[in-house]
């Protein structure tokens, strides 16, 4: 599996913005990947050194619009901590 297929998109929330200063970034990743694959994908895509990866599966929520009910999509989330001597990811620095 290619690195572009593993990292789907960054998750930009208030909690995610708080971690940017301490080099902690949150990504939505493919469901079938493990922590080692996520680490290698982030290192190859952004050219940084990863210290640790934490993952969690996020279940979809029930949403209603009038009478209609539906579920949002479930996804896998990865919290990536970079090493202290690693450079920050440029994409997130332009946001903060």
N, C-alpha and C. Protein backbone atom coordinates (compact mmCIF):
# COMPACT_ATOMS: atom_id res chain seq x y z
N UNK A 1 0.84 -1.18 0.00
CA UNK A 1 0.00 0.00 0.00
C UNK A 1 0.89 1.25 0.00
N UNK A 2 0.56 2.22 -0.82
CA UNK A 2 1.34 3.45 -0.93
C UNK A 2 1.05 4.37 0.24
N UNK A 3 1.97 5.28 0.51
CA UNK A 3 1.81 6.23 1.62
C UNK A 3 0.61 7.14 1.38
N UNK A 4 0.36 7.48 0.13
CA UNK A 4 -0.78 8.36 -0.19
C UNK A 4 -2.11 7.67 0.09
N UNK A 5 -2.13 6.34 0.03
CA UNK A 5 -3.36 5.60 0.30
C UNK A 5 -3.59 5.42 1.80
N UNK A 6 -2.54 5.51 2.61
CA UNK A 6 -2.66 5.31 4.05
C UNK A 6 -3.18 6.57 4.73
N UNK A 7 -2.54 7.72 4.47
CA UNK A 7 -2.95 8.99 5.06
C UNK A 7 -4.04 9.59 4.18
N UNK A 8 -5.27 9.68 4.69
CA UNK A 8 -6.38 10.17 3.89
C UNK A 8 -6.46 11.69 3.95
N UNK A 9 -6.52 12.26 5.18
CA UNK A 9 -6.59 13.71 5.32
C UNK A 9 -6.27 14.09 6.76
N UNK A 10 -5.85 15.35 6.99
CA UNK A 10 -5.63 15.80 8.36
C UNK A 10 -6.98 16.11 9.02
N UNK A 11 -7.03 15.96 10.33
CA UNK A 11 -8.23 16.30 11.09
C UNK A 11 -7.95 17.62 11.79
N UNK A 12 -8.66 18.67 11.42
CA UNK A 12 -8.42 20.01 11.93
C UNK A 12 -9.54 20.39 12.89
N UNK A 13 -9.30 20.16 14.17
CA UNK A 13 -10.25 20.51 15.22
C UNK A 13 -9.53 21.39 16.24
N UNK A 14 -10.26 21.87 17.25
CA UNK A 14 -9.64 22.69 18.28
C UNK A 14 -8.58 21.91 19.03
N UNK A 15 -8.87 20.66 19.35
CA UNK A 15 -7.91 19.82 20.04
C UNK A 15 -6.70 19.56 19.15
N UNK A 16 -6.92 19.42 17.86
CA UNK A 16 -5.82 19.22 16.92
C UNK A 16 -4.92 20.44 16.81
N UNK A 17 -5.53 21.64 16.83
CA UNK A 17 -4.73 22.86 16.77
C UNK A 17 -3.87 23.04 18.02
N UNK A 18 -4.35 22.60 19.17
CA UNK A 18 -3.58 22.71 20.41
C UNK A 18 -2.31 21.86 20.37
N UNK A 19 -2.33 20.75 19.66
CA UNK A 19 -1.18 19.86 19.60
C UNK A 19 -0.12 20.26 18.61
N UNK A 20 -0.40 21.22 17.73
CA UNK A 20 0.55 21.60 16.69
C UNK A 20 1.84 22.16 17.30
N UNK A 21 1.73 22.94 18.37
CA UNK A 21 2.92 23.53 18.99
C UNK A 21 3.84 22.47 19.58
N UNK A 22 3.28 21.37 20.08
CA UNK A 22 4.09 20.29 20.65
C UNK A 22 4.38 19.19 19.63
N UNK A 23 4.22 19.50 18.34
CA UNK A 23 4.48 18.58 17.22
C UNK A 23 3.64 17.31 17.30
N UNK A 24 2.37 17.47 17.62
CA UNK A 24 1.42 16.36 17.66
C UNK A 24 0.35 16.64 16.61
N UNK A 25 0.20 15.72 15.65
CA UNK A 25 -0.70 15.94 14.53
C UNK A 25 -1.70 14.80 14.44
N UNK A 26 -2.92 15.11 13.96
CA UNK A 26 -4.00 14.13 13.87
C UNK A 26 -4.38 13.95 12.41
N UNK A 27 -4.46 12.68 12.00
CA UNK A 27 -4.80 12.34 10.62
C UNK A 27 -5.92 11.30 10.60
N UNK A 28 -6.74 11.35 9.54
CA UNK A 28 -7.64 10.25 9.24
C UNK A 28 -6.86 9.29 8.36
N UNK A 29 -6.86 8.00 8.73
CA UNK A 29 -6.08 7.01 8.01
C UNK A 29 -6.99 5.89 7.51
N UNK A 30 -6.47 5.06 6.62
CA UNK A 30 -7.21 3.91 6.11
C UNK A 30 -7.48 2.93 7.26
N UNK A 31 -8.59 2.23 7.19
CA UNK A 31 -9.01 1.38 8.30
C UNK A 31 -8.13 0.17 8.54
N UNK A 32 -7.54 -0.41 7.51
CA UNK A 32 -6.83 -1.66 7.68
C UNK A 32 -5.34 -1.54 7.97
N UNK A 33 -4.84 -0.35 8.30
CA UNK A 33 -3.40 -0.18 8.49
C UNK A 33 -3.04 -0.23 9.97
N UNK A 34 -1.76 -0.55 10.24
CA UNK A 34 -1.30 -0.58 11.63
C UNK A 34 -0.39 0.62 11.90
N UNK A 35 0.10 0.70 13.14
CA UNK A 35 0.88 1.86 13.56
C UNK A 35 2.20 1.98 12.81
N UNK A 36 2.84 0.86 12.51
CA UNK A 36 4.11 0.89 11.79
C UNK A 36 3.92 1.43 10.38
N UNK A 37 2.86 1.03 9.71
CA UNK A 37 2.58 1.54 8.37
C UNK A 37 2.28 3.03 8.39
N UNK A 38 1.56 3.49 9.42
CA UNK A 38 1.24 4.92 9.55
C UNK A 38 2.53 5.71 9.77
N UNK A 39 3.41 5.20 10.63
CA UNK A 39 4.68 5.87 10.90
C UNK A 39 5.51 6.02 9.64
N UNK A 40 5.65 4.95 8.86
CA UNK A 40 6.42 5.01 7.63
C UNK A 40 5.79 5.95 6.61
N UNK A 41 4.46 5.97 6.54
CA UNK A 41 3.77 6.84 5.58
C UNK A 41 3.99 8.31 5.91
N UNK A 42 3.90 8.67 7.19
CA UNK A 42 4.10 10.07 7.59
C UNK A 42 5.56 10.48 7.35
N UNK A 43 6.49 9.59 7.65
CA UNK A 43 7.91 9.91 7.44
C UNK A 43 8.24 10.11 5.97
N UNK A 44 7.65 9.30 5.08
CA UNK A 44 7.95 9.45 3.66
C UNK A 44 7.22 10.64 3.04
N UNK A 45 5.98 10.89 3.44
CA UNK A 45 5.22 11.99 2.84
C UNK A 45 5.74 13.36 3.26
N UNK A 46 6.08 13.52 4.54
CA UNK A 46 6.41 14.84 5.05
C UNK A 46 7.89 15.02 5.38
N UNK A 47 8.70 13.96 5.32
CA UNK A 47 10.12 14.07 5.59
C UNK A 47 10.44 14.42 7.02
N UNK A 48 9.75 13.81 7.98
CA UNK A 48 9.95 14.08 9.41
C UNK A 48 10.29 12.78 10.12
N UNK A 49 10.63 12.87 11.41
CA UNK A 49 10.91 11.70 12.23
C UNK A 49 9.77 11.54 13.24
N UNK A 50 9.15 10.37 13.27
CA UNK A 50 8.00 10.10 14.13
C UNK A 50 8.47 9.39 15.39
N UNK A 51 8.03 9.90 16.55
CA UNK A 51 8.38 9.28 17.82
C UNK A 51 7.36 8.21 18.19
N UNK A 52 6.06 8.52 18.07
CA UNK A 52 5.04 7.54 18.44
C UNK A 52 3.76 7.78 17.64
N UNK A 53 2.94 6.73 17.57
CA UNK A 53 1.65 6.79 16.87
C UNK A 53 0.60 6.15 17.77
N UNK A 54 -0.49 6.87 18.01
CA UNK A 54 -1.64 6.32 18.73
C UNK A 54 -2.81 6.31 17.77
N UNK A 55 -3.60 5.21 17.79
CA UNK A 55 -4.73 5.10 16.87
C UNK A 55 -6.02 4.85 17.65
N UNK A 56 -7.13 5.22 17.03
CA UNK A 56 -8.44 4.91 17.59
C UNK A 56 -9.44 4.82 16.45
N UNK A 57 -10.43 3.97 16.63
CA UNK A 57 -11.51 3.83 15.67
C UNK A 57 -12.67 4.71 16.11
N UNK A 58 -13.13 5.58 15.24
CA UNK A 58 -14.22 6.50 15.55
C UNK A 58 -15.48 5.98 14.88
N UNK A 59 -16.50 5.72 15.70
CA UNK A 59 -17.77 5.21 15.16
C UNK A 59 -18.59 6.35 14.58
N UNK A 60 -19.39 6.04 13.57
CA UNK A 60 -20.27 7.03 12.97
C UNK A 60 -21.38 7.42 13.93
N UNK A 61 -21.87 8.65 13.80
CA UNK A 61 -22.91 9.16 14.69
C UNK A 61 -24.24 9.23 13.95
N UNK A 62 -25.31 9.13 14.70
CA UNK A 62 -26.65 9.25 14.14
C UNK A 62 -26.96 10.72 13.89
N UNK A 63 -27.36 11.04 12.67
CA UNK A 63 -27.72 12.41 12.29
C UNK A 63 -29.15 12.41 11.77
N UNK A 64 -29.88 13.48 12.09
CA UNK A 64 -31.26 13.61 11.62
C UNK A 64 -31.45 14.94 10.92
N UNK A 65 -32.21 14.91 9.84
CA UNK A 65 -32.66 16.12 9.17
C UNK A 65 -34.15 15.97 8.96
N UNK A 66 -34.91 16.56 9.86
CA UNK A 66 -36.36 16.38 9.80
C UNK A 66 -36.74 14.96 10.14
N UNK A 67 -37.44 14.30 9.23
CA UNK A 67 -37.84 12.91 9.47
C UNK A 67 -36.76 11.92 9.08
N UNK A 68 -35.81 12.34 8.30
CA UNK A 68 -34.81 11.42 7.77
C UNK A 68 -33.67 11.21 8.76
N UNK A 69 -33.31 9.95 8.94
CA UNK A 69 -32.19 9.61 9.80
C UNK A 69 -31.09 8.98 8.96
N UNK A 70 -29.87 9.18 9.40
CA UNK A 70 -28.74 8.56 8.72
C UNK A 70 -27.56 8.51 9.66
N UNK A 71 -26.51 7.82 9.21
CA UNK A 71 -25.30 7.71 10.01
C UNK A 71 -24.15 8.40 9.28
N UNK A 72 -23.27 9.07 10.04
CA UNK A 72 -22.05 9.57 9.45
C UNK A 72 -21.08 8.40 9.30
N UNK A 73 -20.06 8.56 8.51
CA UNK A 73 -19.12 7.47 8.26
C UNK A 73 -18.23 7.24 9.47
N UNK A 74 -17.90 5.98 9.71
CA UNK A 74 -16.90 5.67 10.73
C UNK A 74 -15.53 5.69 10.07
N UNK A 75 -14.49 5.99 10.87
CA UNK A 75 -13.14 6.09 10.32
C UNK A 75 -12.12 5.78 11.40
N UNK A 76 -10.87 5.66 10.99
CA UNK A 76 -9.76 5.41 11.90
C UNK A 76 -8.94 6.69 12.01
N UNK A 77 -8.58 7.05 13.25
CA UNK A 77 -7.86 8.29 13.52
C UNK A 77 -6.48 7.94 14.07
N UNK A 78 -5.45 8.66 13.62
CA UNK A 78 -4.09 8.45 14.11
C UNK A 78 -3.55 9.75 14.66
N UNK A 79 -3.02 9.69 15.89
CA UNK A 79 -2.37 10.84 16.52
C UNK A 79 -0.87 10.58 16.45
N UNK A 80 -0.16 11.42 15.71
CA UNK A 80 1.26 11.21 15.43
C UNK A 80 2.07 12.23 16.21
N UNK A 81 3.01 11.75 17.04
CA UNK A 81 3.92 12.61 17.79
C UNK A 81 5.29 12.56 17.14
N UNK A 82 5.83 13.74 16.78
CA UNK A 82 7.14 13.81 16.17
C UNK A 82 8.22 13.91 17.25
N UNK A 83 9.46 13.58 16.89
CA UNK A 83 10.58 13.72 17.82
C UNK A 83 10.90 15.21 18.02
N UNK A 84 11.63 15.51 19.09
CA UNK A 84 11.95 16.91 19.39
C UNK A 84 12.86 17.52 18.33
N UNK A 85 13.80 16.74 17.79
CA UNK A 85 14.73 17.30 16.81
C UNK A 85 14.19 17.27 15.38
N UNK A 86 13.00 16.73 15.19
CA UNK A 86 12.39 16.69 13.87
C UNK A 86 11.82 18.06 13.51
N UNK A 87 11.84 18.37 12.22
CA UNK A 87 11.23 19.62 11.78
C UNK A 87 9.71 19.48 11.80
N UNK A 88 8.97 20.56 12.03
CA UNK A 88 7.50 20.47 12.01
C UNK A 88 6.98 20.29 10.59
N UNK A 89 5.74 19.84 10.47
CA UNK A 89 5.11 19.66 9.16
C UNK A 89 4.67 21.03 8.65
N UNK A 90 5.10 21.39 7.44
CA UNK A 90 4.88 22.73 6.90
C UNK A 90 3.40 23.05 6.73
N UNK A 91 2.60 22.08 6.35
CA UNK A 91 1.16 22.31 6.11
C UNK A 91 0.49 22.84 7.36
N UNK A 92 0.80 22.28 8.52
CA UNK A 92 0.16 22.70 9.76
C UNK A 92 0.71 24.02 10.26
N UNK A 93 1.96 24.36 9.97
CA UNK A 93 2.53 25.63 10.41
C UNK A 93 1.86 26.81 9.73
N UNK A 94 1.40 26.63 8.50
CA UNK A 94 0.73 27.73 7.81
C UNK A 94 -0.66 27.99 8.39
N UNK A 95 -1.21 27.04 9.14
CA UNK A 95 -2.55 27.20 9.72
C UNK A 95 -2.52 27.91 11.06
N UNK A 96 -1.48 27.69 11.85
CA UNK A 96 -1.48 28.27 13.20
C UNK A 96 -0.95 29.67 13.23
